[in-house]
Amino acid sequence: MSGSSLDGQVVVVTGAARGVGALLARKLAARGARLALVGLEPDELTNVTASLGRDAACWTADVTDRVEMARVAEEVVAHFGRIDVVVANAGVATGGPFLDSDPDAFERVIQVNLLGSVTTARAFLPALIDSHGYLLQIASLAAITPAPLMTAYCASKSGVEAFAHSLRAEVGHLGVKVGVGYLSWTDTDMVRGADEDEALRAMRAKLPWPANRTYPLEPAVERIAAGIVRRSPHVYAQWWLRGTQSIRGYLPSVIGGALGQREMRRVQPELARGAAGRRGLIGRGGAADEAERSSSRHTG
């Protein structure tokens, strides 16, 4: 594999209908990869797939469904002949105080982000062992430092980071490399949805620089694509995230200590006004997930 090319390699991307997943698919296709896209939104997936040319196909599946994901893995191998890279990118989020959170939405974040990543790895690892491939688990700044009003998301991303590190130690001798990708607040539907919540937006603005700003999508995804080419153990979508690793032990006491408590008192009026409303999943991707589950309940 050359330093900039993925020529002929088969890459699976979950959560590929929009945002990071969709743009990453385009970046990887430009490097010569053959793409297998997985997601819950068939129309959007079809549009992304069509933009990639002949060497792309898509599958509609819920990453939390073991049977569906095993089927997808078998069909991807049957279609392309092999799998070289898997990017576990699918994710959802909810925000707001834990005690006011909708229990179903909270648990769905854990199911998709953590257990969905586990299910993805379980389904595709046999093929990656065969190819001596690479699994990139998309995590977040939320895995490095906790933040108020983001309990479900932080817990899920901390979980997938630990899962990926553990998995790396287990499968390295089999020729499989495992990486963790970290993103800060990046301009996606999910982050724009989070900013619609007044209290969450105000809280985020008080985070220490540079964690308090939103970063453009394209350069972030370009960094992820470059990390996939290198099969890096750690991939940082924003340059400064690498530096947080050396201080991450101090961050919980900073964010969750006096700073977090002061800001929670400050945004309490906004939180009280929003307490009556149901805090579901954030953004258009979250809405699509909720719609799919609602449809499944009605037809099941």
C-alpha atoms as a PDB file:
ATOM      1  CA  MET A   1       0.000   0.000   0.000  1.00  0.00           C
ATOM      2  CA  SER A   2       1.457   3.343  -1.033  1.00  0.00           C
ATOM      3  CA  GLY A   3       1.582   6.373   1.201  1.00  0.00           C
ATOM      4  CA  SER A   4      -1.515   7.959  -0.320  1.00  0.00           C
ATOM      5  CA  SER A   5      -3.398   5.136  -2.033  1.00  0.00           C
ATOM      6  CA  LEU A   6      -5.943   2.495  -1.133  1.00  0.00           C
ATOM      7  CA  ASP A   7      -6.073   1.116  -4.679  1.00  0.00           C
ATOM      8  CA  GLY A   8      -8.419  -1.856  -4.865  1.00  0.00           C
ATOM      9  CA  GLN A   9      -8.860  -2.189  -1.116  1.00  0.00           C
ATOM     10  CA  VAL A  10     -12.378  -2.870   0.133  1.00  0.00           C
ATOM     11  CA  VAL A  11     -13.465  -0.496   2.895  1.00  0.00           C
ATOM     12  CA  VAL A  12     -16.651  -0.819   4.938  1.00  0.00           C
ATOM     13  CA  VAL A  13     -17.996   2.397   6.496  1.00  0.00           C
ATOM     14  CA  THR A  14     -20.928   2.331   8.909  1.00  0.00           C
ATOM     15  CA  GLY A  15     -23.056   5.398   9.488  1.00  0.00           C
ATOM     16  CA  ALA A  16     -22.306   6.346   5.888  1.00  0.00           C
ATOM     17  CA  ALA A  17     -25.544   8.102   4.935  1.00  0.00           C
ATOM     18  CA  ARG A  18     -24.436  11.576   6.029  1.00  0.00           C
ATOM     19  CA  GLY A  19     -21.825  13.631   7.835  1.00  0.00           C
ATOM     20  CA  VAL A  20     -18.438  12.117   8.606  1.00  0.00           C
ATOM     21  CA  GLY A  21     -19.327   8.728   7.102  1.00  0.00           C
ATOM     22  CA  ALA A  22     -20.551  10.088   3.761  1.00  0.00           C
ATOM     23  CA  LEU A  23     -17.620  12.447   3.238  1.00  0.00           C
ATOM     24  CA  LEU A  24     -15.142   9.811   4.399  1.00  0.00           C
ATOM     25  CA  ALA A  25     -16.516   7.410   1.779  1.00  0.00           C
ATOM     26  CA  ARG A  26     -15.846  10.024  -0.904  1.00  0.00           C
ATOM     27  CA  LYS A  27     -12.335  10.691   0.386  1.00  0.00           C
ATOM     28  CA  LEU A  28     -11.503   6.992   0.413  1.00  0.00           C
ATOM     29  CA  ALA A  29     -12.980   6.421  -3.045  1.00  0.00           C
ATOM     30  CA  ALA A  30     -10.737   9.210  -4.328  1.00  0.00           C
ATOM     31  CA  ARG A  31      -7.803   7.202  -2.987  1.00  0.00           C
ATOM     32  CA  GLY A  32      -8.847   4.152  -4.990  1.00  0.00           C
ATOM     33  CA  ALA A  33     -10.859   2.247  -2.377  1.00  0.00           C
ATOM     34  CA  ARG A  34     -13.886   0.116  -3.170  1.00  0.00           C
ATOM     35  CA  LEU A  35     -16.638   1.110  -0.738  1.00  0.00           C
ATOM     36  CA  ALA A  36     -19.272  -0.873   1.138  1.00  0.00           C
ATOM     37  CA  LEU A  37     -21.568   1.586   2.887  1.00  0.00           C
ATOM     38  CA  VAL A  38     -23.834   0.645   5.796  1.00  0.00           C
ATOM     39  CA  GLY A  39     -26.539   2.781   7.363  1.00  0.00           C
ATOM     40  CA  LEU A  40     -30.206   3.204   8.227  1.00  0.00           C
ATOM     41  CA  GLU A  41     -31.263   5.721   5.561  1.00  0.00           C
ATOM     42  CA  PRO A  42     -31.649   3.938   2.203  1.00  0.00           C
ATOM     43  CA  ASP A  43     -32.264   7.014   0.058  1.00  0.00           C
ATOM     44  CA  GLU A  44     -29.272   8.901   1.430  1.00  0.00           C
ATOM     45  CA  LEU A  45     -27.086   5.785   1.242  1.00  0.00           C
ATOM     46  CA  THR A  46     -28.076   5.263  -2.389  1.00  0.00           C
ATOM     47  CA  ASN A  47     -27.194   8.864  -3.222  1.00  0.00           C
ATOM     48  CA  VAL A  48     -23.785   8.630  -1.565  1.00  0.00           C
ATOM     49  CA  THR A  49     -23.106   5.290  -3.264  1.00  0.00           C
ATOM     50  CA  ALA A  50     -24.066   6.658  -6.678  1.00  0.00           C
ATOM     51  CA  SER A  51     -21.587   9.502  -6.229  1.00  0.00           C
ATOM     52  CA  LEU A  52     -18.717   7.039  -5.767  1.00  0.00           C
ATOM     53  CA  GLY A  53     -18.883   5.242  -9.111  1.00  0.00           C
ATOM     54  CA  ARG A  54     -18.862   1.537  -9.985  1.00  0.00           C
ATOM     55  CA  ASP A  55     -16.773   0.238  -7.092  1.00  0.00           C
ATOM     56  CA  ALA A  56     -19.337   0.973  -4.374  1.00  0.00           C
ATOM     57  CA  ALA A  57     -22.404  -0.701  -2.929  1.00  0.00           C
ATOM     58  CA  CYS A  58     -24.629  -0.097   0.082  1.00  0.00           C
ATOM     59  CA  TRP A  59     -26.538  -2.075   2.673  1.00  0.00           C
ATOM     60  CA  THR A  60     -29.346  -0.840   4.917  1.00  0.00           C
ATOM     61  CA  ALA A  61     -28.843  -2.276   8.389  1.00  0.00           C
ATOM     62  CA  ASP A  62     -29.020  -1.418  12.078  1.00  0.00           C
ATOM     63  CA  VAL A  63     -25.540  -1.787  13.575  1.00  0.00           C
ATOM     64  CA  THR A  64     -27.034  -3.039  16.840  1.00  0.00           C
ATOM     65  CA  ASP A  65     -28.644  -6.059  15.141  1.00  0.00           C
ATOM     66  CA  ARG A  66     -26.227  -9.015  15.232  1.00  0.00           C
ATOM     67  CA  VAL A  67     -28.166 -11.023  12.656  1.00  0.00           C
ATOM     68  CA  GLU A  68     -28.368  -8.125  10.201  1.00  0.00           C
ATOM     69  CA  MET A  69     -24.706  -7.222  10.556  1.00  0.00           C
ATOM     70  CA  ALA A  70     -23.570 -10.834  10.123  1.00  0.00           C
ATOM     71  CA  ARG A  71     -25.641 -10.965   6.944  1.00  0.00           C
ATOM     72  CA  VAL A  72     -24.113  -7.719   5.695  1.00  0.00           C
ATOM     73  CA  ALA A  73     -20.582  -8.987   6.354  1.00  0.00           C
ATOM     74  CA  GLU A  74     -21.269 -12.163   4.380  1.00  0.00           C
ATOM     75  CA  GLU A  75     -22.804 -10.212   1.502  1.00  0.00           C
ATOM     76  CA  VAL A  76     -19.953  -7.695   1.359  1.00  0.00           C
ATOM     77  CA  VAL A  77     -17.414 -10.526   1.085  1.00  0.00           C
ATOM     78  CA  ALA A  78     -19.558 -12.223  -1.557  1.00  0.00           C
ATOM     79  CA  HIS A  79     -19.837  -8.968  -3.514  1.00  0.00           C
ATOM     80  CA  PHE A  80     -16.241  -7.726  -3.308  1.00  0.00           C
ATOM     81  CA  GLY A  81     -14.323 -10.920  -2.529  1.00  0.00           C
ATOM     82  CA  ARG A  82     -12.611  -9.540   0.582  1.00  0.00           C
ATOM     83  CA  ILE A  83     -12.661  -6.790   3.213  1.00  0.00           C
ATOM     84  CA  ASP A  84      -9.508  -4.821   4.027  1.00  0.00           C
ATOM     85  CA  VAL A  85     -10.703  -1.973   6.246  1.00  0.00           C
ATOM     86  CA  VAL A  86     -13.728  -1.421   8.468  1.00  0.00           C
ATOM     87  CA  VAL A  87     -14.609   2.008   9.877  1.00  0.00           C
ATOM     88  CA  ALA A  88     -17.037   1.766  12.816  1.00  0.00           C
ATOM     89  CA  ASN A  89     -18.459   5.256  12.485  1.00  0.00           C
ATOM     90  CA  ALA A  90     -22.212   4.911  13.193  1.00  0.00           C
ATOM     91  CA  GLY A  91     -23.292   7.030  16.127  1.00  0.00           C
ATOM     92  CA  VAL A  92     -26.109   9.015  17.714  1.00  0.00           C
ATOM     93  CA  ALA A  93     -26.291  11.485  20.579  1.00  0.00           C
ATOM     94  CA  THR A  94     -28.609  13.032  23.105  1.00  0.00           C
ATOM     95  CA  GLY A  95     -27.992  15.941  25.442  1.00  0.00           C
ATOM     96  CA  GLY A  96     -29.264  17.528  28.610  1.00  0.00           C
ATOM     97  CA  PRO A  97     -29.226  16.670  32.321  1.00  0.00           C
ATOM     98  CA  PHE A  98     -29.147  12.967  33.086  1.00  0.00           C
ATOM     99  CA  LEU A  99     -32.144  13.147  35.424  1.00  0.00           C
ATOM    100  CA  ASP A 100     -34.229  14.831  32.707  1.00  0.00           C
ATOM    101  CA  SER A 101     -33.083  12.502  29.939  1.00  0.00           C
ATOM    102  CA  ASP A 102     -35.458  10.277  28.054  1.00  0.00           C
ATOM    103  CA  PRO A 103     -34.463   6.746  29.156  1.00  0.00           C
ATOM    104  CA  ASP A 104     -35.052   5.250  25.718  1.00  0.00           C
ATOM    105  CA  ALA A 105     -32.904   7.885  24.001  1.00  0.00           C
ATOM    106  CA  PHE A 106     -30.163   7.532  26.617  1.00  0.00           C
ATOM    107  CA  GLU A 107     -30.027   3.767  26.220  1.00  0.00           C
ATOM    108  CA  ARG A 108     -30.143   4.020  22.428  1.00  0.00           C
ATOM    109  CA  VAL A 109     -26.948   6.110  22.482  1.00  0.00           C
ATOM    110  CA  ILE A 110     -25.210   3.335  24.403  1.00  0.00           C
ATOM    111  CA  GLN A 111     -26.678   0.686  22.109  1.00  0.00           C
ATOM    112  CA  VAL A 112     -25.641   2.340  18.847  1.00  0.00           C
ATOM    113  CA  ASN A 113     -22.322   3.878  19.796  1.00  0.00           C
ATOM    114  CA  LEU A 114     -20.929   1.140  22.040  1.00  0.00           C
ATOM    115  CA  LEU A 115     -22.818  -2.085  21.394  1.00  0.00           C
ATOM    116  CA  GLY A 116     -23.194  -1.238  17.702  1.00  0.00           C
ATOM    117  CA  SER A 117     -19.422  -0.949  17.457  1.00  0.00           C
ATOM    118  CA  VAL A 118     -19.047  -4.277  19.239  1.00  0.00           C
ATOM    119  CA  THR A 119     -21.527  -5.867  16.825  1.00  0.00           C
ATOM    120  CA  THR A 120     -19.693  -4.359  13.862  1.00  0.00           C
ATOM    121  CA  ALA A 121     -16.378  -5.762  15.042  1.00  0.00           C
ATOM    122  CA  ARG A 122     -17.894  -9.174  15.726  1.00  0.00           C
ATOM    123  CA  ALA A 123     -19.380  -9.335  12.234  1.00  0.00           C
ATOM    124  CA  PHE A 124     -16.357  -8.151  10.254  1.00  0.00           C
ATOM    125  CA  LEU A 125     -13.312  -9.332  12.213  1.00  0.00           C
ATOM    126  CA  PRO A 126     -13.200 -12.777  10.544  1.00  0.00           C
ATOM    127  CA  ALA A 127     -12.818 -11.097   7.158  1.00  0.00           C
ATOM    128  CA  LEU A 128     -10.204  -8.689   8.533  1.00  0.00           C
ATOM    129  CA  ILE A 129      -8.239 -11.616   9.936  1.00  0.00           C
ATOM    130  CA  ASP A 130      -8.280 -13.217   6.501  1.00  0.00           C
ATOM    131  CA  SER A 131      -6.965 -10.034   4.878  1.00  0.00           C
ATOM    132  CA  HIS A 132      -4.675  -8.874   7.715  1.00  0.00           C
ATOM    133  CA  GLY A 133      -6.807  -5.758   7.681  1.00  0.00           C
ATOM    134  CA  TYR A 134      -7.519  -2.667   9.744  1.00  0.00           C
ATOM    135  CA  LEU A 135     -10.419  -1.648  11.997  1.00  0.00           C
ATOM    136  CA  LEU A 136     -10.831   2.041  12.801  1.00  0.00           C
ATOM    137  CA  GLN A 137     -13.148   2.795  15.685  1.00  0.00           C
ATOM    138  CA  ILE A 138     -14.440   6.365  15.643  1.00  0.00           C
ATOM    139  CA  ALA A 139     -14.413   7.775  19.166  1.00  0.00           C
ATOM    140  CA  SER A 140     -14.435  11.434  20.215  1.00  0.00           C
ATOM    141  CA  LEU A 141     -13.002  14.125  22.422  1.00  0.00           C
ATOM    142  CA  ALA A 142     -15.825  12.883  24.671  1.00  0.00           C
ATOM    143  CA  ALA A 143     -13.734   9.761  25.306  1.00  0.00           C
ATOM    144  CA  ILE A 144     -10.826  11.860  26.540  1.00  0.00           C
ATOM    145  CA  THR A 145     -12.711  14.236  28.787  1.00  0.00           C
ATOM    146  CA  PRO A 146     -16.217  14.057  30.279  1.00  0.00           C
ATOM    147  CA  ALA A 147     -18.602  16.978  29.995  1.00  0.00           C
ATOM    148  CA  PRO A 148     -21.849  17.940  31.731  1.00  0.00           C
ATOM    149  CA  LEU A 149     -25.100  17.409  29.809  1.00  0.00           C
ATOM    150  CA  MET A 150     -23.455  14.687  27.683  1.00  0.00           C
ATOM    151  CA  THR A 151     -23.509  11.686  29.998  1.00  0.00           C
ATOM    152  CA  ALA A 152     -24.739   9.117  27.469  1.00  0.00           C
ATOM    153  CA  TYR A 153     -22.425  10.241  24.689  1.00  0.00           C
ATOM    154  CA  CYS A 154     -19.346  10.472  26.908  1.00  0.00           C
ATOM    155  CA  ALA A 155     -20.018   7.063  28.421  1.00  0.00           C
ATOM    156  CA  SER A 156     -20.476   5.468  25.012  1.00  0.00           C
ATOM    157  CA  LYS A 157     -17.365   7.005  23.475  1.00  0.00           C
ATOM    158  CA  SER A 158     -15.222   6.177  26.502  1.00  0.00           C
ATOM    159  CA  GLY A 159     -16.499   2.643  26.116  1.00  0.00           C
ATOM    160  CA  VAL A 160     -15.621   2.281  22.441  1.00  0.00           C
ATOM    161  CA  GLU A 161     -12.155   3.706  23.054  1.00  0.00           C
ATOM    162  CA  ALA A 162     -11.475   1.097  25.740  1.00  0.00           C
ATOM    163  CA  PHE A 163     -13.006  -1.623  23.582  1.00  0.00           C
ATOM    164  CA  ALA A 164     -10.759  -0.755  20.640  1.00  0.00           C
ATOM    165  CA  HIS A 165      -7.609  -0.617  22.771  1.00  0.00           C
ATOM    166  CA  SER A 166      -8.435  -4.013  24.269  1.00  0.00           C
ATOM    167  CA  LEU A 167      -9.221  -5.463  20.865  1.00  0.00           C
ATOM    168  CA  ARG A 168      -5.912  -4.218  19.449  1.00  0.00           C
ATOM    169  CA  ALA A 169      -4.058  -6.310  22.012  1.00  0.00           C
ATOM    170  CA  GLU A 170      -6.144  -9.379  21.181  1.00  0.00           C
ATOM    171  CA  VAL A 171      -5.942  -9.400  17.387  1.00  0.00           C
ATOM    172  CA  GLY A 172      -2.543  -7.867  16.655  1.00  0.00           C
ATOM    173  CA  HIS A 173      -0.849 -11.258  16.510  1.00  0.00           C
ATOM    174  CA  LEU A 174      -3.426 -12.263  13.877  1.00  0.00           C
ATOM    175  CA  GLY A 175      -2.256  -9.474  11.603  1.00  0.00           C
ATOM    176  CA  VAL A 176      -5.159  -7.099  12.272  1.00  0.00           C
ATOM    177  CA  LYS A 177      -4.447  -3.504  13.215  1.00  0.00           C
ATOM    178  CA  VAL A 178      -6.946  -1.509  15.288  1.00  0.00           C
ATOM    179  CA  GLY A 179      -7.083   2.267  15.444  1.00  0.00           C
ATOM    180  CA  VAL A 180      -9.098   4.841  17.380  1.00  0.00           C
ATOM    181  CA  GLY A 181     -10.244   8.031  15.679  1.00  0.00           C
ATOM    182  CA  TYR A 182     -10.834  11.172  17.735  1.00  0.00           C
ATOM    183  CA  LEU A 183     -12.939  14.161  16.682  1.00  0.00           C
ATOM    184  CA  SER A 184     -13.753  17.349  18.520  1.00  0.00           C
ATOM    185  CA  TRP A 185     -16.910  19.335  17.739  1.00  0.00           C
ATOM    186  CA  THR A 186     -17.144  19.077  13.953  1.00  0.00           C
ATOM    187  CA  ASP A 187     -19.704  20.681  11.645  1.00  0.00           C
ATOM    188  CA  THR A 188     -22.192  17.823  11.201  1.00  0.00           C
ATOM    189  CA  ASP A 189     -25.943  17.404  11.577  1.00  0.00           C
ATOM    190  CA  MET A 190     -25.342  15.983  15.049  1.00  0.00           C
ATOM    191  CA  VAL A 191     -23.402  19.004  16.285  1.00  0.00           C
ATOM    192  CA  ARG A 192     -25.816  21.450  14.665  1.00  0.00           C
ATOM    193  CA  GLY A 193     -28.632  19.593  16.396  1.00  0.00           C
ATOM    194  CA  ALA A 194     -26.824  19.868  19.721  1.00  0.00           C
ATOM    195  CA  ASP A 195     -26.468  23.608  19.227  1.00  0.00           C
ATOM    196  CA  GLU A 196     -30.257  23.923  19.004  1.00  0.00           C
ATOM    197  CA  ASP A 197     -30.327  23.187  22.739  1.00  0.00           C
ATOM    198  CA  GLU A 198     -29.725  26.554  24.422  1.00  0.00           C
ATOM    199  CA  ALA A 199     -28.227  25.157  27.618  1.00  0.00           C
ATOM    200  CA  LEU A 200     -25.931  22.715  25.834  1.00  0.00           C
ATOM    201  CA  ARG A 201     -24.766  25.449  23.457  1.00  0.00           C
ATOM    202  CA  ALA A 202     -24.043  27.779  26.383  1.00  0.00           C
ATOM    203  CA  MET A 203     -22.186  25.071  28.282  1.00  0.00           C
ATOM    204  CA  ARG A 204     -20.056  24.186  25.278  1.00  0.00           C
ATOM    205  CA  ALA A 205     -19.094  27.821  24.757  1.00  0.00           C
ATOM    206  CA  LYS A 206     -17.521  27.822  28.228  1.00  0.00           C
ATOM    207  CA  LEU A 207     -15.251  24.853  27.581  1.00  0.00           C
ATOM    208  CA  PRO A 208     -11.540  25.733  27.499  1.00  0.00           C
ATOM    209  CA  TRP A 209     -10.102  26.707  24.115  1.00  0.00           C
ATOM    210  CA  PRO A 210      -9.750  24.991  21.661  1.00  0.00           C
ATOM    211  CA  ALA A 211     -12.506  22.567  22.708  1.00  0.00           C
ATOM    212  CA  ASN A 212     -15.155  25.303  22.632  1.00  0.00           C
ATOM    213  CA  ARG A 213     -15.350  25.844  18.868  1.00  0.00           C
ATOM    214  CA  THR A 214     -16.834  23.946  15.933  1.00  0.00           C
ATOM    215  CA  TYR A 215     -14.400  22.746  13.275  1.00  0.00           C
ATOM    216  CA  PRO A 216     -15.064  22.370   9.533  1.00  0.00           C
ATOM    217  CA  LEU A 217     -15.884  18.881   8.329  1.00  0.00           C
ATOM    218  CA  GLU A 218     -13.649  18.562   5.276  1.00  0.00           C
ATOM    219  CA  PRO A 219     -10.184  18.906   6.867  1.00  0.00           C
ATOM    220  CA  ALA A 220     -11.268  16.699   9.785  1.00  0.00           C
ATOM    221  CA  VAL A 221     -12.324  13.892   7.444  1.00  0.00           C
ATOM    222  CA  GLU A 222      -9.196  14.367   5.333  1.00  0.00           C
ATOM    223  CA  ARG A 223      -7.115  13.644   8.434  1.00  0.00           C
ATOM    224  CA  ILE A 224      -9.164  10.514   9.142  1.00  0.00           C
ATOM    225  CA  ALA A 225      -8.725   9.286   5.574  1.00  0.00           C
ATOM    226  CA  ALA A 226      -4.966   9.832   5.792  1.00  0.00           C
ATOM    227  CA  GLY A 227      -4.897   7.874   9.058  1.00  0.00           C
ATOM    228  CA  ILE A 228      -6.703   4.974   7.386  1.00  0.00           C
ATOM    229  CA  VAL A 229      -4.110   4.878   4.621  1.00  0.00           C
ATOM    230  CA  ARG A 230      -1.382   4.656   7.294  1.00  0.00           C
ATOM    231  CA  ARG A 231      -3.429   2.209   9.402  1.00  0.00           C
ATOM    232  CA  SER A 232      -2.622   4.381  12.387  1.00  0.00           C
ATOM    233  CA  PRO A 233      -3.313   3.279  15.974  1.00  0.00           C
ATOM    234  CA  HIS A 234      -4.543   6.802  16.750  1.00  0.00           C
ATOM    235  CA  VAL A 235      -6.126   9.225  14.280  1.00  0.00           C
ATOM    236  CA  TYR A 236      -6.786  12.850  15.261  1.00  0.00           C
ATOM    237  CA  ALA A 237      -9.283  14.801  13.176  1.00  0.00           C
ATOM    238  CA  GLN A 238      -8.112  18.078  14.724  1.00  0.00           C
ATOM    239  CA  TRP A 239      -4.390  18.643  15.218  1.00  0.00           C
ATOM    240  CA  TRP A 240      -4.605  19.675  18.871  1.00  0.00           C
ATOM    241  CA  LEU A 241      -6.388  16.523  20.037  1.00  0.00           C
ATOM    242  CA  ARG A 242      -3.090  14.638  20.122  1.00  0.00           C
ATOM    243  CA  GLY A 243      -1.898  16.941  22.880  1.00  0.00           C
ATOM    244  CA  THR A 244      -4.873  16.163  25.102  1.00  0.00           C
ATOM    245  CA  GLN A 245      -3.623  12.619  25.598  1.00  0.00           C
ATOM    246  CA  SER A 246      -0.789  13.817  27.806  1.00  0.00           C
ATOM    247  CA  ILE A 247      -3.122  15.783  30.101  1.00  0.00           C
ATOM    248  CA  ARG A 248      -6.255  13.657  30.003  1.00  0.00           C
ATOM    249  CA  GLY A 249      -5.768  12.529  33.585  1.00  0.00           C
ATOM    250  CA  TYR A 250      -6.307  16.115  34.770  1.00  0.00           C
ATOM    251  CA  LEU A 251      -9.288  16.962  32.555  1.00  0.00           C
ATOM    252  CA  PRO A 252     -12.101  15.328  34.565  1.00  0.00           C
ATOM    253  CA  SER A 253     -11.236  17.399  37.626  1.00  0.00           C
ATOM    254  CA  VAL A 254     -11.098  20.579  35.510  1.00  0.00           C
ATOM    255  CA  ILE A 255     -14.266  20.046  33.462  1.00  0.00           C
ATOM    256  CA  GLY A 256     -16.222  18.225  36.140  1.00  0.00           C
ATOM    257  CA  GLY A 257     -14.966  20.236  39.075  1.00  0.00           C
ATOM    258  CA  ALA A 258     -15.348  23.930  39.765  1.00  0.00           C
ATOM    259  CA  LEU A 259     -15.763  24.856  36.082  1.00  0.00           C
ATOM    260  CA  GLY A 260     -18.551  22.350  35.486  1.00  0.00           C
ATOM    261  CA  GLN A 261     -20.368  23.143  38.703  1.00  0.00           C
ATOM    262  CA  ARG A 262     -20.196  26.888  38.087  1.00  0.00           C
ATOM    263  CA  GLU A 263     -21.544  26.541  34.566  1.00  0.00           C
ATOM    264  CA  MET A 264     -24.297  24.169  35.637  1.00  0.00           C
ATOM    265  CA  ARG A 265     -25.519  26.773  38.119  1.00  0.00           C
ATOM    266  CA  ARG A 266     -25.362  29.405  35.391  1.00  0.00           C
ATOM    267  CA  VAL A 267     -27.432  27.451  32.844  1.00  0.00           C
ATOM    268  CA  GLN A 268     -29.951  26.176  35.420  1.00  0.00           C
ATOM    269  CA  PRO A 269     -32.687  28.595  34.253  1.00  0.00           C
ATOM    270  CA  GLU A 270     -32.394  27.317  30.675  1.00  0.00           C
ATOM    271  CA  LEU A 271     -32.414  23.739  31.926  1.00  0.00           C
ATOM    272  CA  ALA A 272     -35.544  24.368  33.969  1.00  0.00           C
ATOM    273  CA  ARG A 273     -37.344  25.834  30.935  1.00  0.00           C
ATOM    274  CA  GLY A 274     -36.445  22.811  28.836  1.00  0.00           C
ATOM    275  CA  ALA A 275     -37.143  20.151  31.451  1.00  0.00           C
ATOM    276  CA  ALA A 276     -40.715  19.585  30.317  1.00  0.00           C
ATOM    277  CA  GLY A 277     -39.677  18.679  26.796  1.00  0.00           C
ATOM    278  CA  ARG A 278     -38.585  15.176  25.779  1.00  0.00           C
ATOM    279  CA  ARG A 279     -34.850  15.112  25.081  1.00  0.00           C
ATOM    280  CA  GLY A 280     -34.567  12.619  22.263  1.00  0.00           C
ATOM    281  CA  LEU A 281     -31.751  11.897  19.833  1.00  0.00           C
ATOM    282  CA  ILE A 282     -30.022  14.862  18.235  1.00  0.00           C
ATOM    283  CA  GLY A 283     -29.904  15.900  14.584  1.00  0.00           C
ATOM    284  CA  ARG A 284     -31.266  14.385  11.373  1.00  0.00           C
ATOM    285  CA  GLY A 285     -29.362  11.150  11.887  1.00  0.00           C
ATOM    286  CA  GLY A 286     -30.943  10.790  15.321  1.00  0.00           C
ATOM    287  CA  ALA A 287     -34.371  11.494  13.851  1.00  0.00           C
ATOM    288  CA  ALA A 288     -33.787   8.812  11.216  1.00  0.00           C
ATOM    289  CA  ASP A 289     -32.817   6.300  13.902  1.00  0.00           C
ATOM    290  CA  GLU A 290     -35.923   7.058  15.936  1.00  0.00           C
ATOM    291  CA  ALA A 291     -38.124   6.811  12.835  1.00  0.00           C
ATOM    292  CA  GLU A 292     -36.642   3.430  11.930  1.00  0.00           C
ATOM    293  CA  ARG A 293     -37.204   2.045  15.421  1.00  0.00           C
ATOM    294  CA  SER A 294     -40.753   3.398  15.478  1.00  0.00           C
ATOM    295  CA  SER A 295     -41.453   1.735  12.146  1.00  0.00           C
ATOM    296  CA  SER A 296     -39.990  -1.560  13.373  1.00  0.00           C
ATOM    297  CA  ARG A 297     -42.166  -1.487  16.492  1.00  0.00           C
ATOM    298  CA  HIS A 298     -45.300  -0.915  14.426  1.00  0.00           C
ATOM    299  CA  THR A 299     -44.521  -3.657  11.919  1.00  0.00           C
ATOM    300  CA  GLY A 300     -43.029  -6.157  14.358  1.00  0.00           C
END
